[in-house]
Amino acid sequence: MSSAIKNLLEKTLDSLHSLDNVENNLDHNNVSDMNQLYDIQTARLGILNSSSSIFDTLRDIRIREAKMQDLLNVLPTKQTYLESFDDISSNIANNKRMIQINAYYSKKYTAYIKILNLIILVCMPIIIISFLKKIGIITSRISMFLIILSIIVGGVYIGLKYVDISNRNNMFFDKYNVKLPNK
């Protein structure tokens, strides 16, 4: 487009030069030459007006090119923002998932610690009963009965807690896996 405008401007300048040559050869005292001079001036004015519009068009084209260049400069910036937004979104999703995983295992390990505490609580009466039997405060029959009773009650309670933990959901520890009955 630029070469076409350049060619048009060269033709305009050539036309102006040829009009100047014709004007220099005219006799200013002759009426027909004066009419021809008027026609030359009118043609020159038309050429100048058209070249002015060409320059305006060229200026508009340069302004549009500058705006397009600005848009092209902004486009990679927007693309970069979109890519960084995608990265941030995926990081947020990964962080949320890691928080969920950590919360799940934290609750699960807390439940296992409670089971260990129950085992210790069951063992304490057995140790006390054994100590009382050793020093002779209670008989061996009573101690055997109390030890078996402690083991049975503690074992049932510990077993129920373990079944409770094993029936929990693998994703959310606070939810249970419910098995629907078959029809």
C-alpha atoms as a PDB file:
ATOM      1  CA  MET A   1       0.000   0.000   0.000  1.00  0.00           C
ATOM      2  CA  SER A   2       2.871   2.323   0.803  1.00  0.00           C
ATOM      3  CA  SER A   3       4.454   1.839  -2.647  1.00  0.00           C
ATOM      4  CA  ALA A   4       1.117   2.636  -4.313  1.00  0.00           C
ATOM      5  CA  ILE A   5       0.873   5.893  -2.383  1.00  0.00           C
ATOM      6  CA  LYS A   6       4.507   6.652  -3.197  1.00  0.00           C
ATOM      7  CA  ASN A   7       3.807   6.120  -6.922  1.00  0.00           C
ATOM      8  CA  LEU A   8       0.719   8.328  -6.711  1.00  0.00           C
ATOM      9  CA  LEU A   9       2.715  11.106  -5.052  1.00  0.00           C
ATOM     10  CA  GLU A  10       5.423  10.849  -7.734  1.00  0.00           C
ATOM     11  CA  LYS A  11       2.773  11.152 -10.455  1.00  0.00           C
ATOM     12  CA  THR A  12       1.303  14.166  -8.650  1.00  0.00           C
ATOM     13  CA  LEU A  13       4.695  15.859  -8.503  1.00  0.00           C
ATOM     14  CA  ASP A  14       5.290  15.094 -12.187  1.00  0.00           C
ATOM     15  CA  SER A  15       1.910  16.623 -13.016  1.00  0.00           C
ATOM     16  CA  LEU A  16       2.758  19.745 -11.025  1.00  0.00           C
ATOM     17  CA  HIS A  17       6.111  20.063 -12.820  1.00  0.00           C
ATOM     18  CA  SER A  18       4.488  19.660 -16.228  1.00  0.00           C
ATOM     19  CA  LEU A  19       1.917  22.335 -15.290  1.00  0.00           C
ATOM     20  CA  ASP A  20       4.781  24.626 -14.243  1.00  0.00           C
ATOM     21  CA  ASN A  21       6.469  24.085 -17.628  1.00  0.00           C
ATOM     22  CA  VAL A  22       3.249  24.887 -19.508  1.00  0.00           C
ATOM     23  CA  GLU A  23       2.681  27.976 -17.336  1.00  0.00           C
ATOM     24  CA  ASN A  24       6.187  29.280 -18.018  1.00  0.00           C
ATOM     25  CA  ASN A  25       5.597  29.005 -21.798  1.00  0.00           C
ATOM     26  CA  LEU A  26       2.330  31.028 -21.729  1.00  0.00           C
ATOM     27  CA  ASP A  27       2.039  34.684 -22.661  1.00  0.00           C
ATOM     28  CA  HIS A  28       0.365  36.496 -19.779  1.00  0.00           C
ATOM     29  CA  ASN A  29      -1.091  39.203 -22.068  1.00  0.00           C
ATOM     30  CA  ASN A  30      -3.054  36.814 -24.284  1.00  0.00           C
ATOM     31  CA  VAL A  31      -6.670  36.093 -23.137  1.00  0.00           C
ATOM     32  CA  SER A  32      -6.706  32.494 -24.360  1.00  0.00           C
ATOM     33  CA  ASP A  33      -3.423  31.942 -22.559  1.00  0.00           C
ATOM     34  CA  MET A  34      -4.991  33.510 -19.446  1.00  0.00           C
ATOM     35  CA  ASN A  35      -7.891  31.058 -19.680  1.00  0.00           C
ATOM     36  CA  GLN A  36      -5.405  28.247 -20.081  1.00  0.00           C
ATOM     37  CA  LEU A  37      -3.504  29.648 -17.073  1.00  0.00           C
ATOM     38  CA  TYR A  38      -6.757  29.628 -15.085  1.00  0.00           C
ATOM     39  CA  ASP A  39      -7.324  26.003 -16.093  1.00  0.00           C
ATOM     40  CA  ILE A  40      -3.762  25.161 -15.045  1.00  0.00           C
ATOM     41  CA  GLN A  41      -4.279  26.825 -11.654  1.00  0.00           C
ATOM     42  CA  THR A  42      -7.564  24.933 -11.216  1.00  0.00           C
ATOM     43  CA  ALA A  43      -5.837  21.652 -12.117  1.00  0.00           C
ATOM     44  CA  ARG A  44      -2.989  22.500  -9.744  1.00  0.00           C
ATOM     45  CA  LEU A  45      -5.498  23.196  -6.953  1.00  0.00           C
ATOM     46  CA  GLY A  46      -7.211  19.855  -7.654  1.00  0.00           C
ATOM     47  CA  ILE A  47      -3.869  18.058  -7.574  1.00  0.00           C
ATOM     48  CA  LEU A  48      -2.937  19.744  -4.286  1.00  0.00           C
ATOM     49  CA  ASN A  49      -6.314  18.837  -2.798  1.00  0.00           C
ATOM     50  CA  SER A  50      -5.924  15.213  -3.873  1.00  0.00           C
ATOM     51  CA  SER A  51      -2.349  15.100  -2.533  1.00  0.00           C
ATOM     52  CA  SER A  52      -3.622  16.614   0.721  1.00  0.00           C
ATOM     53  CA  SER A  53      -6.208  13.832   0.974  1.00  0.00           C
ATOM     54  CA  ILE A  54      -3.459  11.319   0.162  1.00  0.00           C
ATOM     55  CA  PHE A  55      -1.364  12.710   3.016  1.00  0.00           C
ATOM     56  CA  ASP A  56      -4.382  12.581   5.323  1.00  0.00           C
ATOM     57  CA  THR A  57      -4.959   8.970   4.326  1.00  0.00           C
ATOM     58  CA  LEU A  58      -1.284   8.194   4.869  1.00  0.00           C
ATOM     59  CA  ARG A  59      -1.416   9.841   8.318  1.00  0.00           C
ATOM     60  CA  ASP A  60      -4.534   7.803   9.186  1.00  0.00           C
ATOM     61  CA  ILE A  61      -2.790   4.631   8.022  1.00  0.00           C
ATOM     62  CA  ARG A  62       0.228   5.398  10.218  1.00  0.00           C
ATOM     63  CA  ILE A  63      -2.034   6.100  13.199  1.00  0.00           C
ATOM     64  CA  ARG A  64      -3.858   2.816  12.625  1.00  0.00           C
ATOM     65  CA  GLU A  65      -0.543   0.984  12.266  1.00  0.00           C
ATOM     66  CA  ALA A  66       0.592   2.472  15.596  1.00  0.00           C
ATOM     67  CA  LYS A  67      -2.682   1.398  17.229  1.00  0.00           C
ATOM     68  CA  MET A  68      -2.329  -2.093  15.753  1.00  0.00           C
ATOM     69  CA  GLN A  69       1.232  -2.277  17.059  1.00  0.00           C
ATOM     70  CA  ASP A  70      -0.009  -1.214  20.502  1.00  0.00           C
ATOM     71  CA  LEU A  71      -2.667  -3.935  20.355  1.00  0.00           C
ATOM     72  CA  LEU A  72      -0.066  -6.482  19.280  1.00  0.00           C
ATOM     73  CA  ASN A  73       2.109  -5.410  22.204  1.00  0.00           C
ATOM     74  CA  VAL A  74      -0.831  -5.776  24.604  1.00  0.00           C
ATOM     75  CA  LEU A  75      -1.852  -9.185  23.224  1.00  0.00           C
ATOM     76  CA  PRO A  76       1.177 -11.090  24.526  1.00  0.00           C
ATOM     77  CA  THR A  77       0.659  -9.374  27.875  1.00  0.00           C
ATOM     78  CA  LYS A  78      -2.922 -10.643  28.026  1.00  0.00           C
ATOM     79  CA  GLN A  79      -1.745 -14.091  26.956  1.00  0.00           C
ATOM     80  CA  THR A  80       0.854 -14.002  29.718  1.00  0.00           C
ATOM     81  CA  TYR A  81      -1.819 -12.978  32.208  1.00  0.00           C
ATOM     82  CA  LEU A  82      -4.064 -15.816  31.056  1.00  0.00           C
ATOM     83  CA  GLU A  83      -1.229 -18.327  31.342  1.00  0.00           C
ATOM     84  CA  SER A  84      -0.283 -17.062  34.798  1.00  0.00           C
ATOM     85  CA  PHE A  85      -3.970 -17.139  35.790  1.00  0.00           C
ATOM     86  CA  ASP A  86      -4.148 -20.774  34.666  1.00  0.00           C
ATOM     87  CA  ASP A  87      -0.995 -21.533  36.657  1.00  0.00           C
ATOM     88  CA  ILE A  88      -2.396 -19.780  39.713  1.00  0.00           C
ATOM     89  CA  SER A  89      -5.725 -21.593  39.332  1.00  0.00           C
ATOM     90  CA  SER A  90      -4.012 -24.962  39.103  1.00  0.00           C
ATOM     91  CA  ASN A  91      -1.810 -24.078  42.097  1.00  0.00           C
ATOM     92  CA  ILE A  92      -4.888 -23.118  44.106  1.00  0.00           C
ATOM     93  CA  ALA A  93      -6.610 -26.372  43.147  1.00  0.00           C
ATOM     94  CA  ASN A  94      -3.481 -28.358  44.067  1.00  0.00           C
ATOM     95  CA  ASN A  95      -3.175 -26.518  47.379  1.00  0.00           C
ATOM     96  CA  LYS A  96      -6.845 -27.159  48.200  1.00  0.00           C
ATOM     97  CA  ARG A  97      -6.379 -30.841  47.426  1.00  0.00           C
ATOM     98  CA  MET A  98      -3.250 -30.990  49.573  1.00  0.00           C
ATOM     99  CA  ILE A  99      -5.164 -29.333  52.426  1.00  0.00           C
ATOM    100  CA  GLN A 100      -7.934 -31.932  52.063  1.00  0.00           C
ATOM    101  CA  ILE A 101      -5.403 -34.779  52.035  1.00  0.00           C
ATOM    102  CA  ASN A 102      -3.602 -33.385  55.087  1.00  0.00           C
ATOM    103  CA  ALA A 103      -6.904 -32.910  56.931  1.00  0.00           C
ATOM    104  CA  TYR A 104      -7.933 -36.491  56.090  1.00  0.00           C
ATOM    105  CA  TYR A 105      -4.689 -38.037  57.355  1.00  0.00           C
ATOM    106  CA  SER A 106      -4.625 -35.760  60.389  1.00  0.00           C
ATOM    107  CA  LYS A 107      -8.097 -36.921  61.431  1.00  0.00           C
ATOM    108  CA  LYS A 108      -7.241 -40.542  60.658  1.00  0.00           C
ATOM    109  CA  TYR A 109      -4.060 -40.468  62.731  1.00  0.00           C
ATOM    110  CA  THR A 110      -5.928 -38.751  65.562  1.00  0.00           C
ATOM    111  CA  ALA A 111      -8.430 -41.616  65.522  1.00  0.00           C
ATOM    112  CA  TYR A 112      -5.585 -44.171  65.633  1.00  0.00           C
ATOM    113  CA  ILE A 113      -4.023 -42.286  68.573  1.00  0.00           C
ATOM    114  CA  LYS A 114      -7.363 -42.556  70.389  1.00  0.00           C
ATOM    115  CA  ILE A 115      -7.258 -46.337  69.820  1.00  0.00           C
ATOM    116  CA  LEU A 116      -3.739 -46.459  71.274  1.00  0.00           C
ATOM    117  CA  ASN A 117      -4.955 -44.449  74.266  1.00  0.00           C
ATOM    118  CA  LEU A 118      -7.765 -46.993  74.729  1.00  0.00           C
ATOM    119  CA  ILE A 119      -5.247 -49.845  74.623  1.00  0.00           C
ATOM    120  CA  ILE A 120      -3.228 -48.082  77.334  1.00  0.00           C
ATOM    121  CA  LEU A 121      -6.405 -47.516  79.386  1.00  0.00           C
ATOM    122  CA  VAL A 122      -7.278 -51.219  79.090  1.00  0.00           C
ATOM    123  CA  CYS A 123      -3.765 -52.244  80.113  1.00  0.00           C
ATOM    124  CA  MET A 124      -3.713 -50.013  83.229  1.00  0.00           C
ATOM    125  CA  PRO A 125      -6.456 -51.927  85.132  1.00  0.00           C
ATOM    126  CA  ILE A 126      -4.797 -55.208  84.152  1.00  0.00           C
ATOM    127  CA  ILE A 127      -1.500 -53.968  85.608  1.00  0.00           C
ATOM    128  CA  ILE A 128      -3.219 -52.710  88.775  1.00  0.00           C
ATOM    129  CA  ILE A 129      -5.123 -55.986  89.203  1.00  0.00           C
ATOM    130  CA  SER A 130      -1.900 -57.965  88.696  1.00  0.00           C
ATOM    131  CA  PHE A 131      -0.125 -55.804  91.275  1.00  0.00           C
ATOM    132  CA  LEU A 132      -2.971 -56.263  93.784  1.00  0.00           C
ATOM    133  CA  LYS A 133      -2.839 -60.049  93.217  1.00  0.00           C
ATOM    134  CA  LYS A 134       0.928 -60.041  93.685  1.00  0.00           C
ATOM    135  CA  ILE A 135       0.786 -58.313  97.050  1.00  0.00           C
ATOM    136  CA  GLY A 136      -2.105 -60.570  98.103  1.00  0.00           C
ATOM    137  CA  ILE A 137      -4.986 -58.120  98.414  1.00  0.00           C
ATOM    138  CA  ILE A 138      -7.180 -60.062  95.956  1.00  0.00           C
ATOM    139  CA  THR A 139      -7.306 -63.744  95.184  1.00  0.00           C
ATOM    140  CA  SER A 140      -6.179 -65.261  91.915  1.00  0.00           C
ATOM    141  CA  ARG A 141      -9.760 -66.207  90.917  1.00  0.00           C
ATOM    142  CA  ILE A 142     -11.020 -62.651  91.348  1.00  0.00           C
ATOM    143  CA  SER A 143      -7.950 -61.240  89.630  1.00  0.00           C
ATOM    144  CA  MET A 144      -8.385 -63.658  86.717  1.00  0.00           C
ATOM    145  CA  PHE A 145     -12.068 -62.698  86.423  1.00  0.00           C
ATOM    146  CA  LEU A 146     -11.299 -58.946  86.490  1.00  0.00           C
ATOM    147  CA  ILE A 147      -8.453 -59.292  83.981  1.00  0.00           C
ATOM    148  CA  ILE A 148     -10.630 -61.290  81.548  1.00  0.00           C
ATOM    149  CA  LEU A 149     -13.486 -58.798  82.021  1.00  0.00           C
ATOM    150  CA  SER A 150     -11.127 -55.855  81.318  1.00  0.00           C
ATOM    151  CA  ILE A 151      -9.738 -57.575  78.207  1.00  0.00           C
ATOM    152  CA  ILE A 152     -13.224 -58.403  76.867  1.00  0.00           C
ATOM    153  CA  VAL A 153     -14.708 -54.936  77.517  1.00  0.00           C
ATOM    154  CA  GLY A 154     -11.595 -53.153  76.245  1.00  0.00           C
ATOM    155  CA  GLY A 155     -11.274 -55.457  73.221  1.00  0.00           C
ATOM    156  CA  VAL A 156     -14.917 -54.906  72.229  1.00  0.00           C
ATOM    157  CA  TYR A 157     -14.596 -51.145  72.630  1.00  0.00           C
ATOM    158  CA  ILE A 158     -11.264 -51.033  70.714  1.00  0.00           C
ATOM    159  CA  GLY A 159     -12.695 -53.315  68.014  1.00  0.00           C
ATOM    160  CA  LEU A 160     -15.728 -51.005  67.574  1.00  0.00           C
ATOM    161  CA  LYS A 161     -13.429 -47.992  67.232  1.00  0.00           C
ATOM    162  CA  TYR A 162     -11.307 -49.808  64.623  1.00  0.00           C
ATOM    163  CA  VAL A 163     -14.411 -50.818  62.635  1.00  0.00           C
ATOM    164  CA  ASP A 164     -15.565 -47.197  62.817  1.00  0.00           C
ATOM    165  CA  ILE A 165     -12.240 -45.990  61.339  1.00  0.00           C
ATOM    166  CA  SER A 166     -12.217 -48.623  58.604  1.00  0.00           C
ATOM    167  CA  ASN A 167     -15.776 -47.688  57.530  1.00  0.00           C
ATOM    168  CA  ARG A 168     -14.804 -44.064  56.914  1.00  0.00           C
ATOM    169  CA  ASN A 169     -14.719 -42.536  53.420  1.00  0.00           C
ATOM    170  CA  ASN A 170     -11.325 -42.516  51.682  1.00  0.00           C
ATOM    171  CA  MET A 171     -11.701 -38.871  50.612  1.00  0.00           C
ATOM    172  CA  PHE A 172     -13.452 -37.273  53.602  1.00  0.00           C
ATOM    173  CA  PHE A 173     -12.747 -38.809  56.989  1.00  0.00           C
ATOM    174  CA  ASP A 174     -15.908 -37.328  58.528  1.00  0.00           C
ATOM    175  CA  LYS A 175     -18.134 -39.267  56.109  1.00  0.00           C
ATOM    176  CA  TYR A 176     -18.939 -42.954  56.188  1.00  0.00           C
ATOM    177  CA  ASN A 177     -19.025 -45.416  53.304  1.00  0.00           C
ATOM    178  CA  VAL A 178     -22.563 -46.698  53.328  1.00  0.00           C
ATOM    179  CA  LYS A 179     -23.168 -49.962  51.558  1.00  0.00           C
ATOM    180  CA  LEU A 180     -26.632 -50.097  50.067  1.00  0.00           C
ATOM    181  CA  PRO A 181     -28.468 -53.402  50.431  1.00  0.00           C
ATOM    182  CA  ASN A 182     -28.889 -55.479  47.273  1.00  0.00           C
ATOM    183  CA  LYS A 183     -32.453 -55.948  46.046  1.00  0.00           C
END
